[in-house]
Structure formats: C-alpha cells, structure tokens
Amino acid sequence: MAAPMFRCFSRGRWFGSPGTSGVLFLGLREAHSGAQGLLAVQKARGLFKEFFPERGTKIELPELFDRGTGNFPQTIYCGFDPTADSLHVGHLLALLGLFHFQRAGHNVIALVGGATARLGDPSGRTKEREALGAERVRSNARALRQGLEAMGANHQQLFADGRPWGSFTVLDNSAWYQKQHLVDFLSAVGGHFRMGTLLSRLSVQTRLKSPEGMSLAEFFYQVLQAYDFYYLFQHYGCRVQLGGSDQLGNIMSGYEFIHKLTGEDVFGITVPLITSTTGAKLGKSAGNAVWLNRDKTSPFELYQFFVRQQDDLVERYLKLFTFLPLPEIDHIMQLHEKEPEKRGPQKRLAAEVTKLVHGQEGLASAKRCTQALYHSSIDALEVMSDQELKELFKEASFSELVLDPGTSVLDTCRKANAIPDGPRGYRMITEGGVSINHRQVTNPESVLVVGQHILKNGLSLLKIGKRNFYIIKWLQL
C-alpha cells in the first residue's frame, strides 16, 4: 500500500484557534446556524443527538452548512455493515439523517461495510459477533446495496419537494480494502494511532472488563472505520460522519486520524438509538428486528409495526421517521386529541415509512392486507396477489387444486387437509367452525360458486376455527 495521500480540502473562512475537542450535547450557536438552520431544525426534531467536536476547530460545524460562507455543498456519509442481508428499522434514523442532508442540497454517501463486517463492530455489544464467511458477507453486501439504492430511488420519486437536492451514492469499503496488504497497511496507518487512546474508548473498556474479553479483530475495527472516514475525505471531500449514538468512539478515532494526517477538521453527528418497549436496542442481535427487506418483513408487517405504536411515542416518531413539517405534525396531534380512537397519527406514520421503504405499491399492498385481515374486506381479498396472501398469512398452508364439477365445501376442506376425515370434520363445518373468504359456511354439501367461494383472482381463503388459515389457488378455472 502506498503512503496515505495528504490532500486537503480548505473551504470557506477560517477562524478561532485549535484546542481540545469535546462533544456538544445540547445547543448549536445561533450565530452560525440560525433559528431555522439545518442542524438546528433536526436537533429540534430529535433526529440529531450529539455533535463532535464542539469547538476549538478552525471552522465550526454549523458553518459548513451555512449557504453564506462558501462551504456549500458538503458531503456526509454513514456506514452500514452487512451482518445480515437486510437493514432493519434500527437503521432508519441514520438513513433519514442522510436524506435530510440530501434534501438540503448536500451530497450523501451510504457506505456498505463489505470489509469491516468481517471483523464485527464491538460498539454496544456485550460479546463478540458470530464470524461471517467472505461469501456470506459479499452476498449480504449486495443485498444491502440493492436495499439502499431502492430506498434512495423511493425518496427521490415520492418525496420530492421542488428544491434542488444533492446526490445519493452507495459505496462498499471492500473496494479499497481488497487492494491492501496487511503489513503495508499497518506500516502506513498504524503508526498514527495511539494505544492509550484506542483503549480508552467506552466500547473497548466495556468489552475488556467483560468475562469474554475482546478479540484483536474487534479491537482493530475502529482503526478501519477511521480509515474509511479518511478515504472518503480524500476522495470525496467528506467532512461529516453520521452514525448511531453508539458510534461516537469510532467517529472520534476518524477525526483524530484525519486531523493528524492533514491538519484538517472533520465532524461527527449521532442519531438516537431506537429501542423496544423493554428498552432493548432494535436489531438482529437482540432478536427483535423489523426488517426492511420484503422477503423478511412484509410491507403489511412494517406498516402494522408503526400503526401499533403507543400514543406517548407517536409524535416523537412522526418527527424522527418522516419528512412532515413540524407545524403539520402539530396539527395531526391536535386532531388526535379530539378523536384518539381513529389513530390518525399512527396511520400517517405507518404510511410515510412504508412508502419510503417499499414504494407506493408497497404501501398499497399494506393497506390491502390490512383491509383483508382486520376488516374482512372481500374486495381487498379479490385483488390480492399470491405473494400478498402468503405474506399476510405466513403460517397458512398453500395448495393448488383443480376445480372439478360439483366440488363441495366438504371436498375442498378435505383436499386442503384442513379438517379431519370422518364425522368430526363434517361437524366442524355444520357447527360453524369453517369460513371461506370471510363468510361462514355451514352446509358441507354446498357446491363452490365462482365469485363467492372462489374469488376473481382464482383464490379461496379458507379459515378453520379462529386462527388456522389455508390458501387455495384453483387451477383450470
């Protein structure tokens, strides 16, 4: 590996004198950001939590985003490690942060950690991640890139506000690490990191004190993340890293590395971590992930996750997970006070998020499934695809049957293996325990009627008891 490049990006006017760095948890100086400045607005929404460093740099963080200083536009990045083949709801706030910057005219980069995922980020973890093979990581990385690009396209197409936006780029850090040789990399980069500083990080201290300890691979993770920041600074002029609040230590490492090599200042912004009602971080490791990939969590399930949010959380979530202006959110909440039973804020929240993740058709699918399941809508059932029915009734048995002349309700139930043979199965029908397409059937000998028992899309939804569903696709109608 060649020695690191020393290319500096000097934008705008410089002021102040170097000093010690810190973390700004509350205010942004109004002299620089203004009451409606980008950072101040997102701070008011609760999306931006911490800013690093606070001051003592040649240019202040709010100054970068001030159109009047000549620093416009900026480049901001956030990393996503492909430890699974899908992002989840816990990643959404970082993505929303990138999108807010893009909407303000800045260029944003979503960085897939195709290399760093092989090590595993120890931040916020009590034990080491399960090691992933190279091919598994590559497969996951491809899936994450596709998901990020799809959401970027949905954002561009469905949430345009008439303003000129910055670019949205998806990169993979394996593109630069696969060219590196270990000894060359350590020789060129390792000498710029101090062991005392790396060991002092909270994530490292926590793991070192745990019974399991910490592996060298995990310990080295923050060095690679710092180098990612440096690489993007050199090649894309990226001055700001965005990440979850558990990433602050890694962001600090990147700041210190870049500042040592170039004398330039870069910055970090964190977003809050979203937790479950029990306080657990939402994610794969905690076992409570709500995935953004349709194959893992359907649009209906994503929609229902947000529809079910409690009243005391929904206003905060509208500010965090949507692009709705604050005055509009206030109006939505005022209407909710008058008619809380309608759950208007929850439905609007669910619609906005589902549309961003799955597009307009995904939102329409979620609403069809909601009508079919919770409102027993025959019209919704008739226009549902095979995929939607399988997503909605995940535990349902799926059968393909030929409709013979004179096929009865009893024949159908038995061919679908939905009822036992003999008198017991017969009684289940006569006693009202069977419905077809949300309509109770009590005559086992009734012949199936197209348009009633068989929907226009050639499907029948058979329900036995309260919870057992069977989906039948009729052939040769």
Protein backbone atom coordinates (compact mmCIF):
# COMPACT_ATOMS: atom_id res chain seq x y z
CA MET A 1 0.00 0.00 0.00
CA ALA A 2 1.22 3.45 -0.84
CA ALA A 3 1.65 6.00 1.90
CA PRO A 4 -1.58 7.85 2.71
CA MET A 5 -2.31 10.84 0.50
CA PHE A 6 -2.14 14.32 2.01
CA ARG A 7 -4.72 16.19 0.02
CA CYS A 8 -6.53 18.90 1.99
CA PHE A 9 -9.92 20.46 1.43
CA SER A 10 -9.94 24.07 2.59
CA ARG A 11 -13.36 25.61 2.17
CA GLY A 12 -14.69 28.88 3.48
CA ARG A 13 -13.16 31.22 6.00
CA TRP A 14 -11.16 30.03 8.96
CA PHE A 15 -11.37 31.43 12.44
CA GLY A 16 -10.61 30.57 16.04
CA SER A 17 -7.64 28.62 17.31
CA PRO A 18 -7.05 24.92 17.75
CA GLY A 19 -7.89 23.48 21.12
CA THR A 20 -9.22 20.42 22.81
CA SER A 21 -12.18 18.63 21.24
CA GLY A 22 -15.38 17.71 23.02
CA VAL A 23 -18.97 16.68 22.40
CA LEU A 24 -21.83 19.13 22.04
CA PHE A 25 -24.97 17.59 23.54
CA LEU A 26 -27.40 20.50 23.58
CA GLY A 27 -27.16 23.85 21.85
CA LEU A 28 -25.90 24.96 18.48
CA ARG A 29 -24.73 28.55 18.42
CA GLU A 30 -27.47 30.55 16.72
CA ALA A 31 -24.90 32.98 15.35
CA HIS A 32 -23.80 30.27 12.95
CA SER A 33 -26.83 28.01 12.42
CA GLY A 34 -29.71 30.45 12.67
CA ALA A 35 -33.07 29.58 14.16
CA GLN A 36 -34.00 27.56 11.08
CA GLY A 37 -30.53 26.22 10.19
CA LEU A 38 -30.35 22.61 9.03
CA LEU A 39 -28.67 21.34 12.19
CA ALA A 40 -30.95 23.33 14.50
CA VAL A 41 -34.07 22.06 12.74
CA GLN A 42 -33.01 18.41 13.00
CA LYS A 43 -31.98 18.96 16.61
CA ALA A 44 -35.50 20.28 17.27
CA ARG A 45 -36.99 17.18 15.65
CA GLY A 46 -34.84 15.00 17.90
CA LEU A 47 -33.05 13.38 14.95
CA PHE A 48 -29.57 14.75 15.66
CA LYS A 49 -28.37 13.93 19.17
CA GLU A 50 -24.66 14.70 19.57
CA PHE A 51 -22.16 16.80 17.62
CA PHE A 52 -18.38 16.26 17.69
CA PRO A 53 -16.18 18.19 18.20
CA GLU A 54 -17.94 21.03 19.96
CA ARG A 55 -15.43 23.78 19.19
CA GLY A 56 -11.73 24.55 19.06
CA THR A 57 -11.52 23.84 15.35
CA LYS A 58 -10.65 26.20 12.52
CA ILE A 59 -14.20 26.01 11.23
CA GLU A 60 -17.31 25.29 13.27
CA LEU A 61 -19.70 22.50 12.26
CA PRO A 62 -22.73 24.77 11.67
CA GLU A 63 -20.53 26.94 9.45
CA LEU A 64 -20.19 24.07 6.96
CA PHE A 65 -23.92 24.11 6.28
CA ASP A 66 -24.32 27.89 6.10
CA ARG A 67 -25.01 28.83 2.47
CA GLY A 68 -23.49 32.25 3.04
CA THR A 69 -19.95 31.08 3.86
CA GLY A 70 -18.99 29.46 0.55
CA ASN A 71 -18.86 25.97 2.08
CA PHE A 72 -21.85 24.64 0.17
CA PRO A 73 -22.47 21.80 -0.65
CA GLN A 74 -20.90 19.35 1.82
CA THR A 75 -20.51 15.56 1.71
CA ILE A 76 -21.79 13.40 4.58
CA TYR A 77 -21.52 9.65 5.00
CA CYS A 78 -22.91 6.89 7.17
CA GLY A 79 -21.77 3.26 7.30
CA PHE A 80 -23.92 0.11 7.33
CA ASP A 81 -22.24 -3.22 7.98
CA PRO A 82 -23.77 -6.20 6.09
CA THR A 83 -24.03 -8.55 9.07
CA ALA A 84 -27.40 -9.58 7.60
CA ASP A 85 -28.91 -9.43 4.11
CA SER A 86 -31.27 -6.60 5.08
CA LEU A 87 -31.32 -3.38 7.01
CA HIS A 88 -33.87 -3.03 9.81
CA VAL A 89 -35.90 -0.30 11.50
CA GLY A 90 -32.95 0.42 13.77
CA HIS A 91 -31.04 1.71 10.72
CA LEU A 92 -33.81 4.02 9.52
CA LEU A 93 -32.86 7.07 11.57
CA ALA A 94 -29.34 7.19 10.13
CA LEU A 95 -30.83 6.90 6.63
CA LEU A 96 -33.36 9.65 7.40
CA GLY A 97 -30.44 11.80 8.56
CA LEU A 98 -28.68 11.28 5.23
CA PHE A 99 -31.88 12.06 3.34
CA HIS A 100 -32.41 15.30 5.28
CA PHE A 101 -28.91 16.42 4.27
CA GLN A 102 -29.60 15.43 0.67
CA ARG A 103 -32.86 17.40 0.69
CA ALA A 104 -30.90 20.46 1.86
CA GLY A 105 -28.65 20.23 -1.21
CA HIS A 106 -25.73 18.23 0.22
CA ASN A 107 -24.16 15.08 -1.21
CA VAL A 108 -24.54 11.94 0.88
CA ILE A 109 -22.86 8.54 0.85
CA ALA A 110 -24.26 5.31 2.26
CA LEU A 111 -21.22 3.12 2.86
CA VAL A 112 -21.71 -0.65 2.96
CA GLY A 113 -19.03 -2.28 5.10
CA GLY A 114 -18.23 -5.23 2.88
CA ALA A 115 -14.79 -5.41 4.51
CA THR A 116 -15.43 -4.23 8.08
CA ALA A 117 -18.30 -6.69 8.54
CA ARG A 118 -15.70 -9.47 8.54
CA LEU A 119 -14.35 -8.08 11.84
CA GLY A 120 -17.56 -7.04 13.59
CA ASP A 121 -18.20 -3.75 15.36
CA PRO A 122 -17.92 -4.20 19.16
CA SER A 123 -19.80 -0.95 19.90
CA GLY A 124 -22.79 -1.50 22.17
CA ARG A 125 -22.21 -5.26 22.38
CA THR A 126 -21.52 -7.47 25.36
CA LYS A 127 -19.95 -10.30 23.35
CA GLU A 128 -18.29 -10.92 20.01
CA ARG A 129 -20.41 -11.23 16.88
CA GLU A 130 -20.65 -14.57 15.14
CA ALA A 131 -17.97 -14.69 12.47
CA LEU A 132 -19.23 -14.47 8.88
CA GLY A 133 -17.54 -16.07 5.90
CA ALA A 134 -16.33 -14.00 2.98
CA GLU A 135 -19.01 -15.21 0.55
CA ARG A 136 -21.79 -14.63 3.10
CA VAL A 137 -20.59 -11.07 3.64
CA ARG A 138 -20.40 -10.44 -0.11
CA SER A 139 -23.94 -11.74 -0.56
CA ASN A 140 -25.21 -9.62 2.31
CA ALA A 141 -23.39 -6.57 0.94
CA ARG A 142 -25.06 -6.98 -2.47
CA ALA A 143 -28.46 -7.19 -0.79
CA LEU A 144 -27.79 -4.11 1.34
CA ARG A 145 -26.69 -2.11 -1.68
CA GLN A 146 -29.88 -3.04 -3.51
CA GLY A 147 -32.00 -2.08 -0.49
CA LEU A 148 -30.25 1.25 -0.04
CA GLU A 149 -30.49 2.09 -3.73
CA ALA A 150 -34.20 1.19 -3.75
CA MET A 151 -34.90 3.48 -0.78
CA GLY A 152 -32.85 6.22 -2.38
CA ALA A 153 -34.99 5.89 -5.51
CA ASN A 154 -38.25 5.89 -3.49
CA HIS A 155 -37.11 9.02 -1.68
CA GLN A 156 -36.27 10.75 -4.96
CA GLN A 157 -39.51 9.77 -6.68
CA LEU A 158 -42.10 10.04 -3.91
CA PHE A 159 -40.87 12.75 -1.54
CA ALA A 160 -39.60 15.49 -3.87
CA ASP A 161 -40.24 18.99 -2.50
CA GLY A 162 -39.30 21.12 -5.51
CA ARG A 163 -35.85 22.07 -4.18
CA PRO A 164 -32.58 21.03 -5.86
CA TRP A 165 -31.20 18.06 -3.97
CA GLY A 166 -27.70 16.70 -3.52
CA SER A 167 -26.61 13.28 -4.74
CA PHE A 168 -27.16 9.92 -3.02
CA THR A 169 -24.33 7.43 -3.57
CA VAL A 170 -23.90 3.87 -2.30
CA LEU A 171 -20.31 2.60 -1.90
CA ASP A 172 -18.70 -0.56 -0.48
CA ASN A 173 -15.47 -0.27 1.52
CA SER A 174 -14.25 -3.61 0.20
CA ALA A 175 -13.42 -1.65 -2.97
CA TRP A 176 -10.37 -0.15 -1.25
CA TYR A 177 -9.51 -2.77 1.35
CA GLN A 178 -9.23 -5.66 -1.10
CA LYS A 179 -6.23 -3.88 -2.62
CA GLN A 180 -4.42 -3.55 0.72
CA HIS A 181 -1.65 -5.74 2.11
CA LEU A 182 -1.64 -6.19 5.87
CA VAL A 183 1.96 -5.21 6.66
CA ASP A 184 1.88 -2.26 4.26
CA PHE A 185 -1.39 -1.05 5.78
CA LEU A 186 -0.14 -1.33 9.35
CA SER A 187 3.10 0.41 8.44
CA ALA A 188 1.35 3.33 6.74
CA VAL A 189 -1.65 3.70 9.04
CA GLY A 190 -0.94 2.00 12.35
CA GLY A 191 1.71 4.48 13.47
CA HIS A 192 -0.86 7.30 13.60
CA PHE A 193 -2.96 5.61 16.31
CA ARG A 194 -2.06 5.65 20.00
CA MET A 195 -2.87 2.56 22.05
CA GLY A 196 -3.84 4.58 25.10
CA THR A 197 -6.46 6.48 23.13
CA LEU A 198 -7.88 3.36 21.50
CA LEU A 199 -8.04 1.53 24.82
CA SER A 200 -9.85 4.42 26.47
CA ARG A 201 -12.94 4.13 24.24
CA LEU A 202 -16.03 3.18 26.21
CA SER A 203 -16.89 0.32 23.83
CA VAL A 204 -13.40 -1.13 24.31
CA GLN A 205 -13.38 -0.66 28.09
CA THR A 206 -16.76 -2.36 28.43
CA ARG A 207 -15.66 -5.37 26.45
CA LEU A 208 -12.25 -5.68 28.13
CA LYS A 209 -13.98 -5.86 31.51
CA SER A 210 -16.47 -8.50 30.33
CA PRO A 211 -15.92 -12.23 31.00
CA GLU A 212 -15.43 -12.90 27.29
CA GLY A 213 -12.95 -10.09 26.74
CA MET A 214 -12.23 -8.64 23.30
CA SER A 215 -10.55 -10.09 20.24
CA LEU A 216 -7.83 -8.32 18.25
CA ALA A 217 -10.14 -8.30 15.21
CA GLU A 218 -12.81 -6.37 17.13
CA PHE A 219 -10.25 -4.04 18.64
CA PHE A 220 -8.96 -3.20 15.17
CA TYR A 221 -12.46 -2.31 13.92
CA GLN A 222 -12.25 1.33 14.99
CA VAL A 223 -8.99 1.72 13.03
CA LEU A 224 -10.69 0.56 9.82
CA GLN A 225 -13.71 2.79 10.40
CA ALA A 226 -11.35 5.72 10.95
CA TYR A 227 -9.59 4.87 7.70
CA ASP A 228 -12.95 4.75 5.89
CA PHE A 229 -13.59 8.32 7.01
CA TYR A 230 -10.11 9.33 5.86
CA TYR A 231 -10.56 7.63 2.47
CA LEU A 232 -13.88 9.37 1.86
CA PHE A 233 -12.39 12.68 2.99
CA GLN A 234 -9.54 12.28 0.49
CA HIS A 235 -11.56 11.08 -2.48
CA TYR A 236 -14.96 12.69 -1.95
CA GLY A 237 -14.23 15.69 0.27
CA CYS A 238 -16.37 14.13 3.02
CA ARG A 239 -16.14 16.14 6.25
CA VAL A 240 -19.04 14.70 8.28
CA GLN A 241 -19.76 11.18 9.51
CA LEU A 242 -23.27 10.28 10.68
CA GLY A 243 -23.94 7.31 12.94
CA GLY A 244 -25.88 5.90 15.84
CA SER A 245 -25.06 7.23 19.29
CA ASP A 246 -23.07 4.04 19.96
CA GLN A 247 -20.67 5.08 17.15
CA LEU A 248 -19.26 8.16 18.85
CA GLY A 249 -15.98 6.47 19.83
CA ASN A 250 -15.38 5.27 16.26
CA ILE A 251 -16.17 8.74 14.92
CA MET A 252 -13.64 10.27 17.35
CA SER A 253 -10.98 7.88 16.04
CA GLY A 254 -11.66 9.04 12.49
CA TYR A 255 -11.47 12.70 13.50
CA GLU A 256 -8.14 12.22 15.27
CA PHE A 257 -6.64 10.21 12.38
CA ILE A 258 -7.62 12.75 9.72
CA HIS A 259 -6.54 15.69 11.85
CA LYS A 260 -3.10 14.14 12.46
CA LEU A 261 -2.51 13.38 8.80
CA THR A 262 -3.88 16.54 7.21
CA GLY A 263 -4.37 19.17 9.89
CA GLU A 264 -7.96 19.49 8.62
CA ASP A 265 -11.10 19.28 10.73
CA VAL A 266 -13.92 16.82 10.23
CA PHE A 267 -17.04 16.25 12.30
CA GLY A 268 -19.42 13.64 13.63
CA ILE A 269 -23.16 13.68 14.22
CA THR A 270 -25.06 10.95 16.02
CA VAL A 271 -28.71 9.93 15.88
CA PRO A 272 -30.55 8.31 18.79
CA LEU A 273 -30.92 4.56 19.09
CA ILE A 274 -34.47 3.26 18.80
CA THR A 275 -35.40 0.77 21.49
CA SER A 276 -38.29 -1.60 22.14
CA THR A 277 -40.83 -1.08 24.94
CA THR A 278 -38.48 -3.07 27.19
CA GLY A 279 -35.58 -0.73 26.42
CA ALA A 280 -33.68 -3.20 24.20
CA LYS A 281 -31.99 -1.83 21.08
CA LEU A 282 -33.92 -2.84 17.98
CA GLY A 283 -31.77 -5.09 15.84
CA LYS A 284 -30.77 -8.53 14.63
CA SER A 285 -28.69 -9.42 17.67
CA ALA A 286 -31.49 -8.57 20.10
CA GLY A 287 -33.85 -10.83 18.15
CA ASN A 288 -36.46 -8.10 17.67
CA ALA A 289 -35.55 -6.75 14.26
CA VAL A 290 -38.24 -5.36 11.99
CA TRP A 291 -36.55 -5.82 8.63
CA LEU A 292 -36.70 -3.50 5.62
CA ASN A 293 -36.35 -6.32 3.07
CA ARG A 294 -39.77 -7.54 1.91
CA ASP A 295 -38.65 -11.18 1.99
CA LYS A 296 -38.05 -10.89 5.74
CA THR A 297 -40.73 -8.41 6.84
CA SER A 298 -43.66 -7.72 4.52
CA PRO A 299 -44.95 -4.19 3.84
CA PHE A 300 -48.03 -5.14 5.87
CA GLU A 301 -45.93 -6.15 8.89
CA LEU A 302 -43.83 -2.96 8.66
CA TYR A 303 -47.00 -0.89 8.37
CA GLN A 304 -48.55 -2.61 11.39
CA PHE A 305 -45.39 -2.14 13.46
CA PHE A 306 -45.84 1.62 13.24
CA VAL A 307 -49.66 1.55 13.43
CA ARG A 308 -49.32 -0.20 16.80
CA GLN A 309 -47.07 2.47 18.33
CA GLN A 310 -48.31 3.94 21.60
CA ASP A 311 -49.81 7.41 21.84
CA ASP A 312 -46.94 8.64 24.02
CA LEU A 313 -44.40 7.75 21.29
CA VAL A 314 -46.17 8.60 18.06
CA GLU A 315 -45.46 12.35 18.00
CA ARG A 316 -41.74 11.73 18.54
CA TYR A 317 -41.74 9.07 15.83
CA LEU A 318 -43.50 11.38 13.35
CA LYS A 319 -40.66 13.86 13.88
CA LEU A 320 -37.96 11.20 13.60
CA PHE A 321 -39.22 8.89 10.85
CA THR A 322 -40.98 11.27 8.43
CA PHE A 323 -40.28 14.40 6.43
CA LEU A 324 -43.51 16.05 7.59
CA PRO A 325 -43.02 19.70 8.66
CA LEU A 326 -43.30 20.31 12.40
CA PRO A 327 -46.44 22.51 12.05
CA GLU A 328 -48.18 19.69 10.17
CA ILE A 329 -47.22 17.21 12.89
CA ASP A 330 -48.64 19.60 15.49
CA HIS A 331 -51.91 19.74 13.52
CA ILE A 332 -52.06 15.93 13.28
CA MET A 333 -51.61 15.65 17.04
CA GLN A 334 -54.31 18.27 17.71
CA LEU A 335 -56.79 16.25 15.64
CA HIS A 336 -55.71 13.13 17.51
CA GLU A 337 -56.65 14.72 20.84
CA LYS A 338 -60.22 15.15 19.58
CA GLU A 339 -60.57 11.69 18.03
CA PRO A 340 -57.91 9.37 19.52
CA GLU A 341 -59.86 6.26 18.55
CA LYS A 342 -59.09 6.90 14.86
CA ARG A 343 -55.33 6.55 15.49
CA GLY A 344 -54.66 9.16 12.83
CA PRO A 345 -51.00 9.87 13.79
CA GLN A 346 -50.14 6.16 13.84
CA LYS A 347 -51.70 5.60 10.40
CA ARG A 348 -49.91 8.59 8.92
CA LEU A 349 -46.60 7.48 10.45
CA ALA A 350 -47.05 3.94 9.11
CA ALA A 351 -47.97 5.22 5.65
CA GLU A 352 -44.97 7.56 5.38
CA VAL A 353 -42.43 4.95 6.48
CA THR A 354 -43.89 2.12 4.38
CA LYS A 355 -43.93 4.36 1.30
CA LEU A 356 -40.26 5.27 1.81
CA VAL A 357 -39.15 1.67 2.32
CA HIS A 358 -41.40 -0.18 -0.14
CA GLY A 359 -42.67 2.50 -2.51
CA GLN A 360 -46.24 3.39 -3.43
CA GLU A 361 -47.13 -0.19 -4.38
CA GLY A 362 -45.76 -1.46 -1.06
CA LEU A 363 -47.99 0.97 0.81
CA ALA A 364 -50.99 -0.05 -1.30
CA SER A 365 -50.20 -3.71 -0.53
CA ALA A 366 -50.02 -2.99 3.21
CA LYS A 367 -53.41 -1.26 3.11
CA ARG A 368 -54.99 -4.11 1.11
CA CYS A 369 -53.70 -6.64 3.61
CA THR A 370 -54.97 -4.53 6.50
CA GLN A 371 -58.45 -4.35 4.95
CA ALA A 372 -58.47 -8.08 4.20
CA LEU A 373 -57.34 -9.20 7.64
CA TYR A 374 -58.85 -6.68 10.05
CA HIS A 375 -61.91 -5.51 8.13
CA SER A 376 -62.83 -8.79 6.39
CA SER A 377 -62.87 -7.00 3.05
CA ILE A 378 -63.80 -9.27 0.14
CA ASP A 379 -62.86 -6.52 -2.32
CA ALA A 380 -59.35 -6.41 -0.84
CA LEU A 381 -59.02 -10.19 -0.99
CA GLU A 382 -60.05 -10.27 -4.65
CA VAL A 383 -57.22 -8.00 -5.77
CA MET A 384 -54.50 -9.52 -3.60
CA SER A 385 -51.67 -11.39 -5.29
CA ASP A 386 -50.39 -14.83 -4.29
CA GLN A 387 -47.36 -13.11 -2.72
CA GLU A 388 -49.51 -10.80 -0.60
CA LEU A 389 -51.65 -13.66 0.67
CA LYS A 390 -48.57 -15.67 1.59
CA GLU A 391 -47.10 -12.63 3.36
CA LEU A 392 -50.34 -11.91 5.20
CA PHE A 393 -50.99 -15.50 6.26
CA LYS A 394 -47.42 -16.66 6.79
CA GLU A 395 -48.41 -19.78 8.71
CA ALA A 396 -51.11 -20.73 6.20
CA SER A 397 -50.90 -23.86 4.10
CA PHE A 398 -50.84 -23.08 0.37
CA SER A 399 -52.50 -25.57 -2.01
CA GLU A 400 -53.11 -25.70 -5.75
CA LEU A 401 -56.28 -27.63 -6.61
CA VAL A 402 -58.19 -28.43 -9.78
CA LEU A 403 -61.85 -27.35 -9.65
CA ASP A 404 -63.83 -30.40 -10.68
CA PRO A 405 -67.54 -30.03 -11.47
CA GLY A 406 -69.64 -30.26 -8.33
CA THR A 407 -66.75 -29.66 -5.91
CA SER A 408 -68.30 -29.06 -2.48
CA VAL A 409 -67.24 -27.28 0.67
CA LEU A 410 -66.51 -30.64 2.27
CA ASP A 411 -64.41 -31.77 -0.72
CA THR A 412 -62.42 -28.54 -0.58
CA CYS A 413 -61.70 -28.79 3.13
CA ARG A 414 -60.55 -32.38 2.83
CA LYS A 415 -58.37 -31.79 -0.25
CA ALA A 416 -56.67 -28.92 1.57
CA ASN A 417 -56.13 -31.19 4.62
CA ALA A 418 -57.92 -28.56 6.68
CA ILE A 419 -60.27 -30.90 8.56
CA PRO A 420 -60.00 -34.49 9.79
CA ASP A 421 -61.69 -37.29 7.89
CA GLY A 422 -64.95 -38.73 9.10
CA PRO A 423 -67.82 -37.33 11.18
CA ARG A 424 -65.64 -34.94 13.20
CA GLY A 425 -64.59 -32.95 10.14
CA TYR A 426 -68.18 -32.91 8.89
CA ARG A 427 -69.37 -31.49 12.24
CA MET A 428 -66.71 -28.76 12.19
CA ILE A 429 -68.50 -27.35 9.14
CA THR A 430 -72.08 -27.80 10.36
CA GLU A 431 -71.23 -26.25 13.72
CA GLY A 432 -69.92 -23.04 12.13
CA GLY A 433 -66.19 -23.58 12.51
CA VAL A 434 -65.37 -23.02 8.83
CA SER A 435 -65.41 -19.88 6.68
CA ILE A 436 -64.45 -19.25 3.07
CA ASN A 437 -63.39 -15.73 2.10
CA HIS A 438 -64.57 -14.40 5.48
CA ARG A 439 -68.05 -15.92 5.01
CA GLN A 440 -69.16 -18.68 7.32
CA VAL A 441 -70.26 -21.91 5.59
CA THR A 442 -72.39 -24.46 7.45
CA ASN A 443 -73.56 -26.80 4.66
CA PRO A 444 -70.81 -29.32 3.82
CA GLU A 445 -72.57 -30.34 0.61
CA SER A 446 -72.75 -26.81 -0.83
CA VAL A 447 -71.14 -26.63 -4.27
CA LEU A 448 -68.47 -23.97 -4.67
CA VAL A 449 -69.63 -20.87 -6.54
CA VAL A 450 -67.19 -18.74 -8.53
CA GLY A 451 -67.43 -15.15 -7.31
CA GLN A 452 -68.44 -16.23 -3.80
CA HIS A 453 -66.31 -19.17 -2.66
CA ILE A 454 -63.75 -18.56 -5.42
CA LEU A 455 -62.60 -15.00 -5.92
CA LYS A 456 -61.92 -13.24 -9.21
CA ASN A 457 -58.19 -13.82 -8.76
CA GLY A 458 -58.78 -17.60 -8.61
CA LEU A 459 -58.10 -17.86 -4.88
CA SER A 460 -60.01 -19.03 -1.83
CA LEU A 461 -59.14 -18.17 1.77
CA LEU A 462 -60.24 -20.99 4.00
CA LYS A 463 -60.33 -20.44 7.76
CA ILE A 464 -60.80 -23.24 10.28
CA GLY A 465 -61.56 -22.07 13.79
CA LYS A 466 -60.15 -18.69 14.77
CA ARG A 467 -56.55 -18.82 13.58
CA ASN A 468 -55.92 -21.63 11.09
CA PHE A 469 -55.80 -20.36 7.50
CA TYR A 470 -55.48 -22.27 4.23
CA ILE A 471 -54.89 -20.57 0.88
CA ILE A 472 -56.20 -22.42 -2.17
CA LYS A 473 -55.25 -21.49 -5.71
CA TRP A 474 -57.68 -23.00 -8.20
CA LEU A 475 -56.31 -24.27 -11.48
CA GLN A 476 -58.08 -24.61 -14.85
CA LEU A 477 -60.95 -22.33 -13.97
